[in-house]
Protein backbone atom coordinates (compact mmCIF):
# COMPACT_ATOMS: atom_id res chain seq x y z
CA UNK A 1 0.15 0.12 -0.29
CA UNK A 2 3.30 2.47 1.25
CA UNK A 3 4.18 1.39 -2.26
CA UNK A 4 1.09 2.60 -4.50
CA UNK A 5 0.40 6.03 -2.35
CA UNK A 6 3.78 6.94 -3.04
CA UNK A 7 3.33 5.99 -7.30
CA UNK A 8 -0.35 7.67 -7.09
CA UNK A 9 1.70 10.95 -5.72
CA UNK A 10 4.66 10.43 -8.28
CA UNK A 11 1.54 10.77 -10.40
CA UNK A 12 0.51 13.86 -9.08
CA UNK A 13 3.44 15.87 -9.45
CA UNK A 14 4.65 17.35 -11.90
CA UNK A 15 7.57 15.87 -14.24
CA UNK A 16 10.23 18.25 -14.45
CA UNK A 17 11.05 19.80 -17.81
CA UNK A 18 14.62 20.18 -19.27
CA UNK A 19 16.48 23.45 -18.84
CA UNK A 20 16.85 22.06 -14.95
CA UNK A 21 20.13 19.85 -15.60
CA UNK A 22 22.33 23.08 -17.63
CA UNK A 23 25.09 23.49 -19.08
CA UNK A 24 26.21 19.37 -17.44
CA UNK A 25 22.62 18.41 -20.16
CA UNK A 26 20.96 19.58 -22.28
CA UNK A 27 17.48 17.23 -22.81
CA UNK A 28 16.09 17.70 -26.60
CA UNK A 29 13.45 15.32 -28.93
CA UNK A 30 14.61 14.31 -31.62
CA UNK A 31 13.36 12.57 -34.81
CA UNK A 32 14.85 9.20 -36.14
CA UNK A 33 13.63 8.56 -39.48
CA UNK A 34 16.52 7.81 -41.92
CA UNK A 35 18.76 10.31 -42.35
CA UNK A 36 16.36 13.38 -40.39
CA UNK A 37 18.32 16.30 -39.11
CA UNK A 38 18.12 16.89 -35.53
CA UNK A 39 15.95 19.01 -34.47
CA UNK A 40 14.03 20.72 -31.74
CA UNK A 41 11.10 20.86 -30.47
CA UNK A 42 9.47 21.12 -27.79
CA UNK A 43 10.54 19.64 -23.89
CA UNK A 44 9.63 16.46 -23.01
CA UNK A 45 9.21 14.64 -19.27
CA UNK A 46 12.83 14.15 -18.28
CA UNK A 47 11.31 10.17 -17.36
CA UNK A 48 9.10 8.44 -18.82
CA UNK A 49 5.26 7.80 -17.80
CA UNK A 50 5.05 6.25 -14.05
CA UNK A 51 3.16 2.36 -15.16
CA UNK A 52 -0.86 2.75 -13.72
CA UNK A 53 -2.52 -0.33 -12.17
CA UNK A 54 -1.23 -3.35 -9.86
CA UNK A 55 2.71 -2.51 -8.81
CA UNK A 56 4.70 -5.64 -7.99
CA UNK A 57 8.53 -5.18 -7.93
CA UNK A 58 9.00 -7.23 -11.72
CA UNK A 59 7.04 -3.56 -13.21
CA UNK A 60 9.39 -1.74 -10.17
CA UNK A 61 12.14 -3.59 -12.32
CA UNK A 62 11.19 -2.89 -15.46
CA UNK A 63 10.28 1.06 -14.73
CA UNK A 64 13.76 0.70 -13.34
CA UNK A 65 15.44 -0.85 -16.72
CA UNK A 66 12.38 1.49 -18.75
CA UNK A 67 14.08 4.93 -17.19
CA UNK A 68 17.58 4.72 -17.36
CA UNK A 69 17.02 3.63 -21.82
CA UNK A 70 14.63 7.03 -21.93
CA UNK A 71 17.44 8.58 -19.74
CA UNK A 72 20.62 7.07 -21.98
CA UNK A 73 18.75 6.31 -25.32
CA UNK A 74 20.03 3.31 -25.75
CA UNK A 75 18.12 2.37 -29.00
CA UNK A 76 20.38 0.98 -31.11
CA UNK A 77 18.83 3.03 -34.04
CA UNK A 78 19.55 5.91 -32.82
CA UNK A 79 23.33 4.98 -31.81
CA UNK A 80 26.25 7.37 -33.95
CA UNK A 81 28.52 5.07 -35.77
CA UNK A 82 32.27 5.79 -36.14
CA UNK A 83 33.04 6.65 -39.78
CA UNK A 84 33.98 4.13 -42.67
CA UNK A 85 37.19 3.67 -44.51
CA UNK A 86 36.16 5.24 -47.31
CA UNK A 87 35.15 8.79 -45.14
CA UNK A 88 39.02 8.57 -43.29
CA UNK A 89 40.53 8.41 -46.44
CA UNK A 90 38.53 11.58 -47.40
CA UNK A 91 39.68 13.49 -44.65
CA UNK A 92 43.32 12.47 -44.37
CA UNK A 93 43.68 13.52 -48.11
CA UNK A 94 42.08 17.04 -46.61
CA UNK A 95 44.85 17.03 -43.55
CA UNK A 96 48.41 18.93 -43.07
CA UNK A 97 51.15 17.78 -40.72
CA UNK A 98 50.22 20.28 -37.60
CA UNK A 99 46.71 19.95 -37.63
CA UNK A 100 44.63 19.92 -34.91
CA UNK A 101 42.15 17.06 -34.53
CA UNK A 102 39.23 17.12 -32.26
CA UNK A 103 37.01 14.23 -31.59
CA UNK A 104 33.31 13.16 -29.93
CA UNK A 105 34.53 10.01 -28.37
CA UNK A 106 31.80 6.96 -29.22
CA UNK A 107 29.43 7.25 -25.94
CA UNK A 108 31.06 10.50 -25.17
CA UNK A 109 33.60 8.96 -22.51
CA UNK A 110 36.22 11.06 -22.79
CA UNK A 111 37.84 14.00 -21.31
CA UNK A 112 36.07 13.58 -17.46
CA UNK A 113 35.89 16.64 -15.22
CA UNK A 114 36.57 18.70 -18.86
CA UNK A 115 33.09 20.70 -20.09
CA UNK A 116 32.73 21.26 -24.00
CA UNK A 117 30.95 19.01 -25.84
CA UNK A 118 34.79 17.47 -27.94
CA UNK A 119 36.64 15.28 -25.34
CA UNK A 120 39.60 14.62 -27.78
CA UNK A 121 42.82 16.23 -28.88
CA UNK A 122 45.67 15.30 -30.40
CA UNK A 123 47.86 17.35 -33.61
CA UNK A 124 48.52 15.48 -37.22
CA UNK A 125 52.10 14.98 -37.22
CA UNK A 126 51.40 13.06 -41.47
CA UNK A 127 53.65 10.41 -43.17
CA UNK A 128 57.33 11.17 -44.27
CA UNK A 129 55.92 12.22 -47.91
CA UNK A 130 53.42 14.26 -46.64
CA UNK A 131 56.25 16.16 -44.15
CA UNK A 132 58.50 15.99 -46.98
CA UNK A 133 56.12 17.47 -48.88
CA UNK A 134 55.17 20.46 -47.56
CA UNK A 135 59.41 20.97 -45.30
CA UNK A 136 61.48 20.27 -48.42
CA UNK A 137 63.16 17.34 -47.38
CA UNK A 138 63.42 14.41 -44.36
CA UNK A 139 65.09 16.16 -41.92
CA UNK A 140 61.93 16.98 -39.44
CA UNK A 141 60.83 13.13 -39.90
CA UNK A 142 64.73 12.09 -38.87
CA UNK A 143 64.61 14.21 -36.04
CA UNK A 144 60.60 13.13 -34.66
CA UNK A 145 62.11 9.35 -34.80
CA UNK A 146 64.75 9.43 -32.92
CA UNK A 147 62.62 11.10 -30.46
CA UNK A 148 60.03 8.90 -30.69
CA UNK A 149 61.00 5.50 -32.25
CA UNK A 150 56.69 4.86 -32.62
CA UNK A 151 56.89 7.08 -35.47
CA UNK A 152 58.37 5.03 -37.05
CA UNK A 153 57.00 3.49 -40.92
CA UNK A 154 58.10 0.00 -42.11
CA UNK A 155 56.41 -0.43 -44.78
CA UNK A 156 55.77 2.92 -47.25
CA UNK A 157 52.99 1.12 -48.83
CA UNK A 158 50.69 1.41 -45.46
CA UNK A 159 47.35 3.23 -46.19
CA UNK A 160 47.36 7.12 -44.99
CA UNK A 161 44.32 6.01 -42.56
CA UNK A 162 46.86 3.79 -40.99
CA UNK A 163 49.78 5.20 -40.06
CA UNK A 164 51.11 6.45 -36.83
CA UNK A 165 50.10 9.77 -37.34
CA UNK A 166 47.98 11.15 -35.08
CA UNK A 167 50.38 12.59 -31.76
CA UNK A 168 47.21 12.05 -29.05
CA UNK A 169 47.07 12.16 -25.08
CA UNK A 170 44.90 9.16 -23.93
CA UNK A 171 44.35 7.79 -20.49
CA UNK A 172 46.97 5.57 -21.82
CA UNK A 173 49.75 8.25 -21.82
CA UNK A 174 50.74 9.99 -24.29
CA UNK A 175 51.35 8.01 -28.20
CA UNK A 176 51.43 8.04 -31.95
CA UNK A 177 47.99 5.96 -33.01
CA UNK A 178 46.76 5.29 -36.65
CA UNK A 179 44.15 8.20 -38.00
CA UNK A 180 41.61 5.11 -38.25
CA UNK A 181 42.22 4.12 -34.53
CA UNK A 182 42.01 8.28 -33.39
CA UNK A 183 39.19 9.17 -35.72
CA UNK A 184 36.90 5.61 -34.35
CA UNK A 185 34.36 9.02 -32.91
CA UNK A 186 31.15 9.99 -33.42
CA UNK A 187 32.90 13.40 -34.60
CA UNK A 188 36.09 14.47 -35.94
CA UNK A 189 37.06 17.55 -37.31
CA UNK A 190 40.05 19.45 -38.38
CA UNK A 191 41.89 23.16 -37.65
CA UNK A 192 44.38 24.44 -39.36
CA UNK A 193 46.80 26.63 -37.04
CA UNK A 194 47.55 29.70 -38.61
CA UNK A 195 51.53 29.91 -37.77
CA UNK A 196 54.16 29.55 -40.43
CA UNK A 197 55.18 25.87 -41.56
CA UNK A 198 58.18 26.62 -39.02
CA UNK A 199 56.15 26.93 -36.56
CA UNK A 200 54.23 23.41 -37.44
CA UNK A 201 57.79 21.82 -37.83
CA UNK A 202 58.07 22.63 -34.27
CA UNK A 203 55.37 21.84 -33.08
CA UNK A 204 55.55 18.57 -34.63
CA UNK A 205 59.17 18.02 -32.61
CA UNK A 206 57.87 19.03 -29.75
CA UNK A 207 54.87 17.18 -29.61
CA UNK A 208 56.69 13.77 -30.89
CA UNK A 209 59.33 14.47 -27.44
CA UNK A 210 55.83 14.32 -26.15
CA UNK A 211 55.99 10.55 -26.99
CA UNK A 212 55.90 8.11 -23.45
CA UNK A 213 54.77 11.08 -20.94
CA UNK A 214 52.25 9.95 -18.38
CA UNK A 215 47.97 11.38 -18.58
CA UNK A 216 47.22 14.43 -16.76
CA UNK A 217 44.02 12.95 -13.85
CA UNK A 218 44.47 16.31 -12.78
CA UNK A 219 44.05 18.45 -15.61
CA UNK A 220 47.28 20.91 -14.17
CA UNK A 221 48.73 22.40 -16.76
CA UNK A 222 51.62 23.41 -13.60
CA UNK A 223 51.81 19.37 -13.01
CA UNK A 224 54.87 16.71 -13.12
CA UNK A 225 54.99 16.41 -16.49
CA UNK A 226 51.69 14.99 -17.33
CA UNK A 227 49.41 16.13 -20.50
CA UNK A 228 45.95 15.71 -21.04
CA UNK A 229 43.69 15.64 -23.90
CA UNK A 230 44.22 19.53 -24.72
CA UNK A 231 47.39 20.69 -23.07
CA UNK A 232 49.09 18.71 -26.07
CA UNK A 233 48.50 21.41 -28.53
CA UNK A 234 48.84 24.04 -26.17
CA UNK A 235 52.25 22.23 -25.32
CA UNK A 236 53.55 21.83 -29.08
CA UNK A 237 52.55 24.99 -30.16
CA UNK A 238 53.87 27.42 -27.60
CA UNK A 239 51.09 30.20 -26.25
CA UNK A 240 50.77 30.89 -30.46
CA UNK A 241 47.72 29.84 -30.96
CA UNK A 242 46.07 32.31 -28.62
CA UNK A 243 43.85 29.42 -26.66
CA UNK A 244 41.81 29.61 -24.15
CA UNK A 245 42.33 28.26 -20.54
CA UNK A 246 39.29 26.43 -19.57
CA UNK A 247 37.32 25.02 -15.96
CA UNK A 248 38.79 21.37 -15.74
CA UNK A 249 38.30 18.90 -12.69
CA UNK A 250 38.89 22.86 -10.75
CA UNK A 251 41.27 24.14 -12.78
CA UNK A 252 41.85 25.74 -15.92
CA UNK A 253 43.08 24.18 -18.36
CA UNK A 254 43.72 23.62 -22.23
CA UNK A 255 40.70 21.10 -23.44
CA UNK A 256 39.05 19.98 -26.45
CA UNK A 257 35.65 22.12 -25.89
CA UNK A 258 38.22 24.76 -25.24
CA UNK A 259 39.79 24.81 -28.84
CA UNK A 260 36.09 23.97 -30.15
CA UNK A 261 35.35 27.14 -28.23
CA UNK A 262 38.78 29.11 -29.20
CA UNK A 263 37.74 29.18 -32.83
CA UNK A 264 34.63 30.08 -32.64
CA UNK A 265 34.80 32.62 -30.85
CA UNK A 266 37.61 34.48 -33.17
CA UNK A 267 35.85 32.80 -36.52
CA UNK A 268 36.49 35.39 -39.15
CA UNK A 269 38.26 38.04 -36.78
CA UNK A 270 41.88 39.15 -38.01
CA UNK A 271 42.99 37.11 -34.13
CA UNK A 272 41.67 33.93 -35.97
CA UNK A 273 44.20 31.17 -35.19
CA UNK A 274 42.60 28.72 -36.83
CA UNK A 275 41.08 27.77 -39.43
CA UNK A 276 38.57 24.50 -40.42
CA UNK A 277 39.61 22.34 -42.64
CA UNK A 278 36.98 19.02 -42.83
CA UNK A 279 34.99 17.11 -40.74
CA UNK A 280 33.07 14.15 -39.97
CA UNK A 281 29.65 14.69 -38.20
CA UNK A 282 27.73 12.42 -36.01
CA UNK A 283 25.21 10.07 -37.38
CA UNK A 284 24.51 6.53 -39.16
CA UNK A 285 26.29 4.57 -42.14
CA UNK A 286 24.10 6.23 -44.53
CA UNK A 287 23.47 9.51 -43.44
CA UNK A 288 25.18 12.45 -45.29
CA UNK A 289 28.53 12.87 -42.08
CA UNK A 290 30.51 16.08 -44.10
CA UNK A 291 30.82 18.52 -40.77
CA UNK A 292 30.29 22.43 -41.80
CA UNK A 293 31.62 24.76 -40.11
CA UNK A 294 28.66 26.29 -39.20
CA UNK A 295 27.50 22.80 -37.42
CA UNK A 296 31.24 23.09 -36.21
CA UNK A 297 30.66 26.12 -34.26
CA UNK A 298 27.33 25.53 -32.87
CA UNK A 299 28.66 21.80 -31.38
CA UNK A 300 30.90 24.80 -29.36
CA UNK A 301 28.42 26.08 -27.77
CA UNK A 302 27.11 22.19 -26.83
CA UNK A 303 26.99 21.15 -23.61
CA UNK A 304 28.60 17.62 -23.05
CA UNK A 305 25.98 15.12 -23.03
CA UNK A 306 21.83 15.87 -24.00
CA UNK A 307 19.36 13.69 -22.72
CA UNK A 308 17.71 12.43 -25.97
CA UNK A 309 13.96 11.07 -26.84
CA UNK A 310 13.12 10.03 -29.99
CA UNK A 311 9.82 10.27 -31.47
CA UNK A 312 8.91 6.86 -30.25
CA UNK A 313 9.22 7.91 -26.85
CA UNK A 314 8.21 11.30 -27.02
CA UNK A 315 4.72 10.95 -24.69
């Protein structure tokens, strides 16, 4: 009887509305029809309807499971997919050594403690052929391999997306990863620093020297040599990009979301230090996932997580 009375009182209480948990979450309704774009609609309840009728243990368990799925939208029809090989190949061909790559990891599980929609950042080093074409010879490649043997490629036939060409910090520390591995994400964006090629060469060598450093869980730029996601590009370019430090784990540190916000804030102005190159938007295999500069700028203002409710679940 006590449980039934509690449920009756819960039904009579108005449902929470979107906005209560911003800026950590934003709750929005979206259509999941094939190839449909996400559109803003009226706010919908954060919790599914309370079950009617007799209440037992099984119905309470079913309601708890339904609430979890309702909040975190676990239906496969709305899952974001990683880019396919063709999309990655096209993306790789647009890149140049020294570009900064932002990622939104699958499930948005990266950069805990940092704000912003983007949660991964790496420096694109390219391969020997790309560095030779950009800098005129192989001296930079030789210096980078001396600093980090992990950047050595034994086969000259390795596909561009499979080269260990992205230097990035993650939970395992600073390492060089293939583009296909680093960009196995919901969304990807490349930004090109507006600095001379000499500065890019110096940044790539600094990044290579960071390989092997441990991860900075504390997000503390004044730490003991540890490096976090957004700190790596900032350290490599040594302040040339005017990247604003953002709140992170109680401190202020460079972050992937902060890099996106710096691009957005200075876009089109003489103070701009980054330009958009290319990107892959979130979506499914059948959708056109080319990221536009407008979508990138919009993403820079988004919270890390949205509470998404599909049309089929809307009351």
